[in-house]
Amino acid sequence: MSQHVQGVVAHSKGAPVAIETIVIPDPGPGEAVVKIQACGVCHTDLHYRQGGINDDFPFLLGHEAAGVVESVGEGVTDVVPGDFVILNWRAVCGQCRACLRGRPWYCFNTHNAKQKMTLEDGTELSPALGIGAFAEKTLVAAGQCTKVDRSASAAAAGLLGCGVMAGIGAAINTGNVGRGDSVAVIGCGGVGDAAIVGSNLAGASKIIAVDLDDRKLETARKLGATHTVNSKESDPVEGIRELTGGHGADVVIEAVGRPETYKQAFYARDLAGTVVLVGVPTPEMKLELPLLDVFGRGGSLKSSWYGDCLPSRDFPMLIDLYLQGRLNLDAFVTETIALDEVEKAFERMHGGDVLRSVVVL
């Protein structure tokens, strides 16, 4: 039998979200119903509401979540009812060419639940990133559920479902930050700060935070940055070079997603260094670089998909570090809010006042 729950729906481009009754079908083969305990308010949800992803309205928003598996469909063996799980939006298929090459974090055929959640009148909903977790319960593909230690705070654990994992993974998985490396992170929002935390975990000796906002730079210092550069007051490329013996950083992580900041990252790295793009650009943006500079500076120019993470590998490991006191996920939770406060959280996001507002159910 289907269930009726409350959820946050975006009906049209730019319009305020609304609390609606959502119809959740019983899980089919390969699916699971998860009772949501917490879900972070991510900028991607705002992009959906503004029509920046696609126009498949209405959207059931929310994707950065943790909760408890309530029921599973036929053939599901990796999780069982009662498991505490973090949801992810890249359930690997195990069969595509990336998976068969032993690189499942690049899976080219990630999947979601096949059944649709609906409004009471039967209108089909588009769940944000295939999850839709601003709701009391949601239906997902079972592969989107990763079991972790239930001792973890749901508000903190759920953040690994998107932004925090993207930043940590950009440093550790994509950037391959190693012991003694110098790292610069351009853009100190939630993802950039997570990249700082990841660089710290990896043993970087110097971590340079770059941003326009002194408040964000102060937060970056609290999370592990050893140096800061305010790019409104000075040239960030020169600032990074000065702090690295005139050479540039071994790894520069661009967490903004704009051509001008990408160029800064490109020229702020050392010869044979690595640039990691984890900030998400918009479709109209173009990048122009002298090809001779691309050749002459060597090294690697990489983009980071979801921190190149493999949830089954990375989520339990990071939760273990959190429970050991070695990874401060709680620092990313600026405030906890109710389901009907998501619209206000979007407004606070614009002001740069929060790392994450987290809906707690």
Protein backbone atom coordinates (compact mmCIF):
# COMPACT_ATOMS: atom_id res chain seq x y z
CA MET A 1 0.00 0.00 0.00
CA SER A 2 1.12 3.55 -0.71
CA GLN A 3 1.82 6.03 2.08
CA HIS A 4 0.95 9.71 2.40
CA VAL A 5 3.65 11.97 3.87
CA GLN A 6 4.54 15.65 3.95
CA GLY A 7 7.23 17.05 1.64
CA VAL A 8 8.62 20.28 0.17
CA VAL A 9 7.64 20.84 -3.46
CA ALA A 10 8.73 23.46 -6.01
CA HIS A 11 5.84 23.93 -8.44
CA SER A 12 7.25 26.51 -10.84
CA LYS A 13 10.38 28.47 -11.64
CA GLY A 14 11.32 30.89 -8.88
CA ALA A 15 8.07 30.47 -6.92
CA PRO A 16 8.26 29.85 -3.17
CA VAL A 17 8.22 26.19 -2.20
CA ALA A 18 5.16 24.63 -0.59
CA ILE A 19 4.47 21.83 1.88
CA GLU A 20 2.43 19.19 0.07
CA THR A 21 1.10 15.71 0.72
CA ILE A 22 3.29 13.21 -1.14
CA VAL A 23 2.21 9.71 -2.11
CA ILE A 24 5.01 7.14 -1.62
CA PRO A 25 4.48 3.76 -3.35
CA ASP A 26 5.65 0.51 -1.81
CA PRO A 27 9.20 -0.27 -2.95
CA GLY A 28 9.47 -2.32 -6.11
CA PRO A 29 12.38 -4.56 -7.15
CA GLY A 30 15.69 -2.89 -6.28
CA GLU A 31 14.01 -0.05 -4.39
CA ALA A 32 13.80 1.11 -0.77
CA VAL A 33 11.61 3.45 1.27
CA VAL A 34 13.64 5.51 3.74
CA LYS A 35 12.30 7.43 6.73
CA ILE A 36 14.23 10.69 6.60
CA GLN A 37 15.80 11.97 9.81
CA ALA A 38 17.77 14.94 8.46
CA CYS A 39 18.43 16.65 5.13
CA GLY A 40 20.79 19.54 4.37
CA VAL A 41 19.68 22.55 2.34
CA CYS A 42 22.10 22.54 -0.60
CA HIS A 43 22.54 25.19 -3.30
CA THR A 44 21.56 22.55 -5.85
CA ASP A 45 18.05 22.50 -4.36
CA LEU A 46 17.84 26.24 -4.97
CA HIS A 47 18.99 25.66 -8.57
CA TYR A 48 16.10 23.22 -9.01
CA ARG A 49 13.61 25.73 -7.59
CA GLN A 50 14.92 28.42 -9.93
CA GLY A 51 14.72 26.16 -12.98
CA GLY A 52 18.50 26.06 -13.34
CA ILE A 53 18.71 22.27 -13.66
CA ASN A 54 15.76 21.51 -15.94
CA ASP A 55 12.07 22.36 -16.20
CA ASP A 56 10.60 19.03 -15.03
CA PHE A 57 8.39 20.69 -12.42
CA PRO A 58 7.06 19.94 -9.88
CA PHE A 59 10.20 18.98 -7.98
CA LEU A 60 10.35 17.19 -4.65
CA LEU A 61 13.41 18.94 -3.25
CA GLY A 62 16.16 17.72 -0.91
CA HIS A 63 18.97 15.24 -1.49
CA GLU A 64 21.64 15.59 1.22
CA ALA A 65 20.09 13.18 3.67
CA ALA A 66 20.34 10.42 6.25
CA GLY A 67 17.62 8.22 7.66
CA VAL A 68 16.45 4.71 8.43
CA VAL A 69 15.40 2.11 5.89
CA GLU A 70 11.72 1.33 6.43
CA SER A 71 11.11 -1.26 3.73
CA VAL A 72 12.84 -2.78 0.71
CA GLY A 73 11.68 -4.35 -2.53
CA GLU A 74 12.40 -7.66 -4.14
CA GLY A 75 16.06 -8.55 -4.67
CA VAL A 76 17.49 -5.99 -2.23
CA THR A 77 20.20 -7.51 -0.04
CA ASP A 78 22.70 -4.73 0.74
CA VAL A 79 20.37 -2.97 3.18
CA VAL A 80 17.51 -4.19 5.39
CA PRO A 81 14.76 -2.43 7.32
CA GLY A 82 16.21 -0.70 10.37
CA ASP A 83 19.57 0.16 8.79
CA PHE A 84 20.78 3.73 9.32
CA VAL A 85 21.85 5.01 5.90
CA ILE A 86 23.22 8.01 4.07
CA LEU A 87 21.57 8.62 0.71
CA ASN A 88 23.66 9.25 -2.40
CA TRP A 89 22.68 10.39 -5.87
CA ARG A 90 25.08 8.16 -7.81
CA ALA A 91 24.01 4.55 -7.32
CA VAL A 92 26.56 2.60 -9.34
CA CYS A 93 25.34 -0.02 -11.81
CA GLY A 94 28.25 -2.48 -11.62
CA GLN A 95 27.92 -3.28 -15.33
CA CYS A 96 29.02 -0.25 -17.38
CA ARG A 97 32.50 0.09 -18.87
CA ALA A 98 33.71 2.22 -15.94
CA CYS A 99 32.48 -0.27 -13.34
CA LEU A 100 33.91 -3.23 -15.27
CA ARG A 101 37.29 -1.47 -15.43
CA GLY A 102 37.32 -1.26 -11.63
CA ARG A 103 36.47 2.46 -11.56
CA PRO A 104 32.91 2.46 -10.20
CA TRP A 105 33.23 6.03 -8.92
CA TYR A 106 33.02 7.04 -12.59
CA CYS A 107 29.93 4.86 -13.23
CA PHE A 108 28.33 6.00 -16.49
CA ASN A 109 24.95 4.42 -15.79
CA THR A 110 23.94 5.53 -12.29
CA HIS A 111 20.28 4.96 -11.54
CA ASN A 112 17.33 5.97 -9.37
CA ALA A 113 14.04 4.40 -8.31
CA LYS A 114 11.89 3.38 -11.29
CA GLN A 115 8.55 4.16 -9.66
CA LYS A 116 7.41 7.75 -9.28
CA MET A 117 6.30 9.55 -6.16
CA THR A 118 3.26 11.74 -6.78
CA LEU A 119 1.02 14.43 -5.41
CA GLU A 120 -2.40 13.33 -4.18
CA ASP A 121 -3.95 14.13 -7.55
CA GLY A 122 -1.54 11.76 -9.29
CA THR A 123 0.85 14.42 -10.62
CA GLU A 124 4.28 12.80 -10.91
CA LEU A 125 7.12 14.44 -8.99
CA SER A 126 10.72 14.86 -10.09
CA PRO A 127 12.88 14.10 -7.02
CA ALA A 128 15.96 16.32 -6.72
CA LEU A 129 18.99 14.29 -7.84
CA GLY A 130 16.77 11.21 -7.78
CA ILE A 131 16.27 11.45 -4.02
CA GLY A 132 13.65 14.02 -2.88
CA ALA A 133 14.45 14.05 0.83
CA PHE A 134 12.72 17.20 2.07
CA ALA A 135 10.01 14.78 3.10
CA GLU A 136 9.12 12.51 5.97
CA LYS A 137 9.88 9.51 3.74
CA THR A 138 11.21 8.99 0.24
CA LEU A 139 11.55 6.24 -2.36
CA VAL A 140 15.01 5.58 -3.80
CA ALA A 141 16.99 2.89 -5.56
CA ALA A 142 18.45 0.62 -2.89
CA GLY A 143 21.91 1.36 -4.29
CA GLN A 144 21.43 4.96 -3.18
CA CYS A 145 21.47 3.78 0.46
CA THR A 146 24.81 3.30 2.22
CA LYS A 147 24.71 1.76 5.68
CA VAL A 148 26.82 3.55 8.32
CA ASP A 149 27.23 3.47 12.09
CA ARG A 150 23.94 4.60 13.64
CA SER A 151 25.84 6.37 16.44
CA ALA A 152 26.45 9.28 14.08
CA SER A 153 24.29 12.40 14.19
CA ALA A 154 21.87 12.27 11.26
CA ALA A 155 22.21 16.03 10.72
CA ALA A 156 25.98 15.69 10.30
CA ALA A 157 26.04 12.35 8.49
CA GLY A 158 23.58 13.42 5.81
CA LEU A 159 25.94 16.15 4.62
CA LEU A 160 28.17 13.46 3.17
CA GLY A 161 25.36 12.86 0.70
CA CYS A 162 26.47 15.83 -1.38
CA GLY A 163 28.46 18.97 -0.54
CA VAL A 164 30.83 17.78 2.17
CA MET A 165 31.65 14.59 0.26
CA ALA A 166 32.21 16.62 -2.91
CA GLY A 167 34.77 18.82 -1.16
CA ILE A 168 36.57 16.11 0.82
CA GLY A 169 36.67 13.91 -2.27
CA ALA A 170 37.97 16.72 -4.47
CA ALA A 171 41.01 16.88 -2.21
CA ILE A 172 41.59 13.23 -1.39
CA ASN A 173 40.19 11.32 -4.37
CA THR A 174 40.53 13.69 -7.32
CA GLY A 175 43.40 15.93 -6.24
CA ASN A 176 45.35 13.10 -4.59
CA VAL A 177 46.57 15.51 -1.93
CA GLY A 178 49.45 13.87 -0.08
CA ARG A 179 51.55 14.38 3.01
CA GLY A 180 53.51 17.60 2.89
CA ASP A 181 51.67 19.02 -0.14
CA SER A 182 50.68 22.65 -0.42
CA VAL A 183 47.02 23.21 -1.29
CA ALA A 184 45.03 26.30 -2.21
CA VAL A 185 41.23 26.32 -2.13
CA ILE A 186 39.45 29.06 -4.05
CA GLY A 187 35.93 29.64 -2.72
CA CYS A 188 35.17 28.94 0.93
CA GLY A 189 31.54 27.91 0.96
CA GLY A 190 30.49 24.48 2.16
CA VAL A 191 32.27 22.56 -0.61
CA GLY A 192 35.45 24.63 -0.39
CA ASP A 193 35.60 24.29 3.37
CA ALA A 194 35.12 20.55 3.00
CA ALA A 195 38.09 20.52 0.59
CA ILE A 196 40.10 22.24 3.31
CA VAL A 197 39.07 19.56 5.79
CA GLY A 198 39.94 16.84 3.26
CA SER A 199 43.36 18.38 2.61
CA ASN A 200 43.98 18.43 6.34
CA LEU A 201 43.01 14.76 6.64
CA ALA A 202 45.40 13.92 3.80
CA GLY A 203 48.33 15.55 5.61
CA ALA A 204 48.83 18.74 3.59
CA SER A 205 51.45 20.96 5.19
CA LYS A 206 50.07 24.27 3.93
CA ILE A 207 46.40 24.97 3.16
CA ILE A 208 45.61 28.39 1.70
CA ALA A 209 41.98 29.54 1.74
CA VAL A 210 40.93 32.16 -0.83
CA ASP A 211 37.67 34.11 -0.72
CA LEU A 212 36.19 37.59 -0.99
CA ASP A 213 34.58 37.45 2.45
CA ASP A 214 36.58 37.73 5.66
CA ARG A 215 33.84 35.89 7.58
CA LYS A 216 34.26 32.87 5.32
CA LEU A 217 38.03 33.06 5.62
CA GLU A 218 37.75 33.00 9.41
CA THR A 219 35.56 29.89 9.21
CA ALA A 220 38.10 28.33 6.85
CA ARG A 221 40.83 28.89 9.43
CA LYS A 222 38.73 27.18 12.09
CA LEU A 223 38.36 24.18 9.77
CA GLY A 224 42.07 23.80 9.09
CA ALA A 225 43.32 26.50 6.69
CA THR A 226 46.83 27.57 7.65
CA HIS A 227 46.76 30.80 5.60
CA THR A 228 44.13 33.01 4.01
CA VAL A 229 43.99 35.39 1.04
CA ASN A 230 41.19 37.91 0.56
CA SER A 231 40.92 38.13 -3.22
CA LYS A 232 38.96 41.36 -3.02
CA GLU A 233 41.97 43.06 -1.47
CA SER A 234 44.88 41.42 -3.33
CA ASP A 235 45.69 39.28 -6.37
CA PRO A 236 45.03 35.68 -5.25
CA VAL A 237 47.56 34.23 -7.70
CA GLU A 238 50.33 36.40 -6.31
CA GLY A 239 49.13 35.74 -2.76
CA ILE A 240 49.29 31.98 -3.23
CA ARG A 241 52.71 32.19 -4.88
CA GLU A 242 54.09 34.33 -2.07
CA LEU A 243 52.96 31.73 0.44
CA THR A 244 54.57 28.88 -1.52
CA GLY A 245 58.09 30.18 -2.08
CA GLY A 246 57.12 31.86 -5.35
CA HIS A 247 56.20 28.58 -7.01
CA GLY A 248 52.47 28.07 -6.55
CA ALA A 249 50.56 25.32 -4.76
CA ASP A 250 50.91 21.63 -5.53
CA VAL A 251 47.12 21.32 -5.74
CA VAL A 252 44.62 24.12 -6.34
CA ILE A 253 40.95 23.32 -5.81
CA GLU A 254 38.48 25.65 -7.53
CA ALA A 255 35.19 25.53 -5.61
CA VAL A 256 33.42 28.44 -7.31
CA GLY A 257 32.82 27.30 -10.88
CA ARG A 258 33.58 30.49 -12.81
CA PRO A 259 36.06 31.11 -15.67
CA GLU A 260 37.89 33.89 -13.81
CA THR A 261 38.45 31.81 -10.68
CA TYR A 262 39.45 28.80 -12.78
CA LYS A 263 42.14 30.92 -14.45
CA GLN A 264 43.34 31.96 -11.02
CA ALA A 265 43.58 28.29 -10.04
CA PHE A 266 45.43 27.46 -13.27
CA TYR A 267 48.12 30.09 -12.73
CA ALA A 268 48.32 29.66 -8.94
CA ARG A 269 49.56 26.05 -9.15
CA ASP A 270 53.17 24.99 -9.27
CA LEU A 271 54.67 23.55 -12.45
CA ALA A 272 53.36 19.99 -12.90
CA GLY A 273 50.76 20.77 -10.24
CA THR A 274 47.10 19.84 -10.27
CA VAL A 275 43.96 21.92 -10.72
CA VAL A 276 40.69 20.39 -9.52
CA LEU A 277 37.40 21.95 -10.63
CA VAL A 278 34.64 21.06 -8.15
CA GLY A 279 32.62 24.28 -8.45
CA VAL A 280 29.74 23.82 -10.90
CA PRO A 281 29.67 26.26 -13.86
CA THR A 282 26.54 27.32 -15.72
CA PRO A 283 25.96 26.26 -19.36
CA GLU A 284 26.84 29.60 -20.96
CA MET A 285 30.28 29.93 -19.35
CA LYS A 286 33.36 29.69 -21.59
CA LEU A 287 37.03 29.27 -20.71
CA GLU A 288 39.92 30.61 -22.76
CA LEU A 289 43.54 29.75 -21.96
CA PRO A 290 46.70 29.97 -24.07
CA LEU A 291 47.30 26.42 -25.25
CA LEU A 292 51.05 26.94 -24.88
CA ASP A 293 50.51 27.63 -21.17
CA VAL A 294 48.47 24.45 -20.82
CA PHE A 295 51.34 22.54 -22.41
CA GLY A 296 54.18 24.41 -20.75
CA ARG A 297 52.89 24.25 -17.19
CA GLY A 298 52.31 20.49 -17.36
CA GLY A 299 50.51 18.72 -14.59
CA SER A 300 46.83 17.81 -14.49
CA LEU A 301 43.57 19.67 -15.06
CA LYS A 302 40.78 17.63 -13.49
CA SER A 303 37.10 17.97 -12.77
CA SER A 304 35.65 16.24 -9.73
CA TRP A 305 32.32 14.42 -10.01
CA TYR A 306 30.82 14.17 -6.52
CA GLY A 307 34.34 14.08 -5.16
CA ASP A 308 34.97 10.96 -7.28
CA CYS A 309 33.57 9.11 -4.30
CA LEU A 310 32.45 5.53 -3.99
CA PRO A 311 29.78 5.72 -1.26
CA SER A 312 30.21 2.11 -0.12
CA ARG A 313 33.90 2.81 0.45
CA ASP A 314 33.97 6.45 1.54
CA PHE A 315 30.85 7.01 3.66
CA PRO A 316 31.59 4.38 6.35
CA MET A 317 35.25 5.44 6.51
CA LEU A 318 34.39 9.12 6.96
CA ILE A 319 31.70 8.36 9.54
CA ASP A 320 34.27 6.33 11.48
CA LEU A 321 36.63 9.33 11.42
CA TYR A 322 33.76 11.54 12.60
CA LEU A 323 32.99 9.23 15.53
CA GLN A 324 36.69 9.14 16.43
CA GLY A 325 36.71 12.95 16.63
CA ARG A 326 39.04 13.28 13.63
CA LEU A 327 36.49 14.76 11.21
CA ASN A 328 34.34 17.61 12.49
CA LEU A 329 31.17 17.22 10.45
CA ASP A 330 29.18 19.04 13.15
CA ALA A 331 31.02 22.25 12.23
CA PHE A 332 29.18 22.31 8.90
CA VAL A 333 25.74 22.34 10.58
CA THR A 334 25.02 26.04 11.09
CA GLU A 335 21.41 25.56 12.13
CA THR A 336 18.69 22.93 12.29
CA ILE A 337 15.26 23.84 10.94
CA ALA A 338 11.79 22.40 10.37
CA LEU A 339 10.39 21.25 7.03
CA ASP A 340 8.39 24.46 6.62
CA GLU A 341 11.50 26.66 6.97
CA VAL A 342 13.25 25.61 3.74
CA GLU A 343 12.27 28.81 1.92
CA LYS A 344 13.80 30.91 4.71
CA ALA A 345 16.94 28.76 4.50
CA PHE A 346 17.23 29.62 0.78
CA GLU A 347 17.13 33.32 1.73
CA ARG A 348 19.87 32.85 4.33
CA MET A 349 21.95 31.00 1.76
CA HIS A 350 21.95 34.10 -0.46
CA GLY A 351 23.40 36.15 2.39
CA GLY A 352 26.34 33.80 2.90
CA ASP A 353 25.38 33.40 6.57
CA VAL A 354 25.36 29.61 6.70
CA LEU A 355 27.46 26.62 5.75
CA ARG A 356 24.42 24.38 6.00
CA SER A 357 20.89 24.68 7.27
CA VAL A 358 19.69 21.16 8.02
CA VAL A 359 16.07 20.05 8.08
CA VAL A 360 15.54 17.70 11.03
CA LEU A 361 12.42 15.53 11.08
